[in-house]
C-alpha atoms as a PDB file:
ATOM      1  CA  UNK A   1      44.684   0.805  27.753  1.00  0.00           C
ATOM      2  CA  UNK A   2      47.410  -0.067  25.312  1.00  0.00           C
ATOM      3  CA  UNK A   3      48.680  -2.710  27.768  1.00  0.00           C
ATOM      4  CA  UNK A   4      45.242  -4.529  27.575  1.00  0.00           C
ATOM      5  CA  UNK A   5      45.202  -4.383  23.759  1.00  0.00           C
ATOM      6  CA  UNK A   6      43.052  -1.235  22.995  1.00  0.00           C
ATOM      7  CA  UNK A   7      44.496   1.039  20.342  1.00  0.00           C
ATOM      8  CA  UNK A   8      45.473   4.349  21.918  1.00  0.00           C
ATOM      9  CA  UNK A   9      44.097   6.522  19.134  1.00  0.00           C
ATOM     10  CA  UNK A  10      40.797   4.631  19.127  1.00  0.00           C
ATOM     11  CA  UNK A  11      40.485   4.977  22.896  1.00  0.00           C
ATOM     12  CA  UNK A  12      41.367   8.656  22.815  1.00  0.00           C
ATOM     13  CA  UNK A  13      38.744   9.431  20.073  1.00  0.00           C
ATOM     14  CA  UNK A  14      36.065   7.542  21.833  1.00  0.00           C
ATOM     15  CA  UNK A  15      36.888   9.075  25.176  1.00  0.00           C
ATOM     16  CA  UNK A  16      36.865  12.585  23.832  1.00  0.00           C
ATOM     17  CA  UNK A  17      33.551  11.967  22.010  1.00  0.00           C
ATOM     18  CA  UNK A  18      32.048  10.621  25.209  1.00  0.00           C
ATOM     19  CA  UNK A  19      33.250  13.750  27.098  1.00  0.00           C
ATOM     20  CA  UNK A  20      31.753  16.004  24.501  1.00  0.00           C
ATOM     21  CA  UNK A  21      28.356  14.256  24.932  1.00  0.00           C
ATOM     22  CA  UNK A  22      28.705  14.722  28.671  1.00  0.00           C
ATOM     23  CA  UNK A  23      29.292  18.434  28.312  1.00  0.00           C
ATOM     24  CA  UNK A  24      25.871  18.806  26.713  1.00  0.00           C
ATOM     25  CA  UNK A  25      23.771  16.544  29.000  1.00  0.00           C
ATOM     26  CA  UNK A  26      22.675  16.887  32.623  1.00  0.00           C
ATOM     27  CA  UNK A  27      23.757  16.860  35.422  1.00  0.00           C
ATOM     28  CA  UNK A  28      26.852  18.761  34.382  1.00  0.00           C
ATOM     29  CA  UNK A  29      26.053  20.182  30.921  1.00  0.00           C
ATOM     30  CA  UNK A  30      28.914  22.795  30.978  1.00  0.00           C
ATOM     31  CA  UNK A  31      28.164  23.907  27.423  1.00  0.00           C
ATOM     32  CA  UNK A  32      24.465  24.550  28.197  1.00  0.00           C
ATOM     33  CA  UNK A  33      25.366  26.543  31.372  1.00  0.00           C
ATOM     34  CA  UNK A  34      27.894  28.631  29.340  1.00  0.00           C
ATOM     35  CA  UNK A  35      25.282  29.395  26.685  1.00  0.00           C
ATOM     36  CA  UNK A  36      22.813  30.347  29.384  1.00  0.00           C
ATOM     37  CA  UNK A  37      25.271  32.896  30.592  1.00  0.00           C
ATOM     38  CA  UNK A  38      25.555  34.621  27.184  1.00  0.00           C
ATOM     39  CA  UNK A  39      22.048  34.071  25.945  1.00  0.00           C
ATOM     40  CA  UNK A  40      19.347  36.806  26.060  1.00  0.00           C
ATOM     41  CA  UNK A  41      17.252  36.783  29.310  1.00  0.00           C
ATOM     42  CA  UNK A  42      14.276  35.414  27.562  1.00  0.00           C
ATOM     43  CA  UNK A  43      15.982  32.109  26.601  1.00  0.00           C
ATOM     44  CA  UNK A  44      15.437  29.539  29.438  1.00  0.00           C
ATOM     45  CA  UNK A  45      17.727  26.765  30.354  1.00  0.00           C
ATOM     46  CA  UNK A  46      14.937  24.392  29.136  1.00  0.00           C
ATOM     47  CA  UNK A  47      15.079  25.929  25.756  1.00  0.00           C
ATOM     48  CA  UNK A  48      18.849  25.350  25.601  1.00  0.00           C
ATOM     49  CA  UNK A  49      18.411  21.693  26.750  1.00  0.00           C
ATOM     50  CA  UNK A  50      15.839  21.076  24.054  1.00  0.00           C
ATOM     51  CA  UNK A  51      18.059  22.703  21.508  1.00  0.00           C
ATOM     52  CA  UNK A  52      20.930  20.354  22.430  1.00  0.00           C
ATOM     53  CA  UNK A  53      18.890  17.134  21.956  1.00  0.00           C
ATOM     54  CA  UNK A  54      19.514  16.730  18.231  1.00  0.00           C
ATOM     55  CA  UNK A  55      23.278  17.206  18.780  1.00  0.00           C
ATOM     56  CA  UNK A  56      23.349  14.676  21.570  1.00  0.00           C
ATOM     57  CA  UNK A  57      21.427  12.156  19.418  1.00  0.00           C
ATOM     58  CA  UNK A  58      23.777  12.639  16.446  1.00  0.00           C
ATOM     59  CA  UNK A  59      26.870  12.263  18.624  1.00  0.00           C
ATOM     60  CA  UNK A  60      25.393   9.069  20.265  1.00  0.00           C
ATOM     61  CA  UNK A  61      24.720   7.616  16.851  1.00  0.00           C
ATOM     62  CA  UNK A  62      28.279   8.532  15.914  1.00  0.00           C
ATOM     63  CA  UNK A  63      29.755   6.813  18.961  1.00  0.00           C
ATOM     64  CA  UNK A  64      27.661   3.625  18.159  1.00  0.00           C
ATOM     65  CA  UNK A  65      28.989   3.627  14.672  1.00  0.00           C
ATOM     66  CA  UNK A  66      32.562   4.038  15.859  1.00  0.00           C
ATOM     67  CA  UNK A  67      32.049   1.373  18.456  1.00  0.00           C
ATOM     68  CA  UNK A  68      31.025  -1.233  15.768  1.00  0.00           C
ATOM     69  CA  UNK A  69      33.400   0.023  13.003  1.00  0.00           C
ATOM     70  CA  UNK A  70      36.633   1.069  14.753  1.00  0.00           C
ATOM     71  CA  UNK A  71      38.478   1.071  11.391  1.00  0.00           C
ATOM     72  CA  UNK A  72      36.881   4.542  10.779  1.00  0.00           C
ATOM     73  CA  UNK A  73      39.120   5.916  13.481  1.00  0.00           C
ATOM     74  CA  UNK A  74      42.273   3.893  12.893  1.00  0.00           C
ATOM     75  CA  UNK A  75      42.394   3.876   9.048  1.00  0.00           C
ATOM     76  CA  UNK A  76      44.067   7.284   8.478  1.00  0.00           C
ATOM     77  CA  UNK A  77      46.668   7.031  11.201  1.00  0.00           C
ATOM     78  CA  UNK A  78      47.551   3.562   9.912  1.00  0.00           C
ATOM     79  CA  UNK A  79      48.121   5.115   6.402  1.00  0.00           C
ATOM     80  CA  UNK A  80      50.321   7.772   7.878  1.00  0.00           C
ATOM     81  CA  UNK A  81      52.498   5.281   9.823  1.00  0.00           C
ATOM     82  CA  UNK A  82      53.122   3.088   6.772  1.00  0.00           C
END
């Protein structure tokens, strides 16, 4: 990514955030399946998916903000390198 002009730290943060969203949404939803394994029997997988919706929405809004304001990600590392 660096060779095509994308900042490595920016790409890494965006990639990690997208992976985190993917861990909470179908078809994979590893986080939800893990929680189903440790949840009481009366908690259904549907309950867990519904509970994850606010977190997925907040992370999606965060990714959109970071997409349009990349300085949020790159500001602190640029201060440390100076």
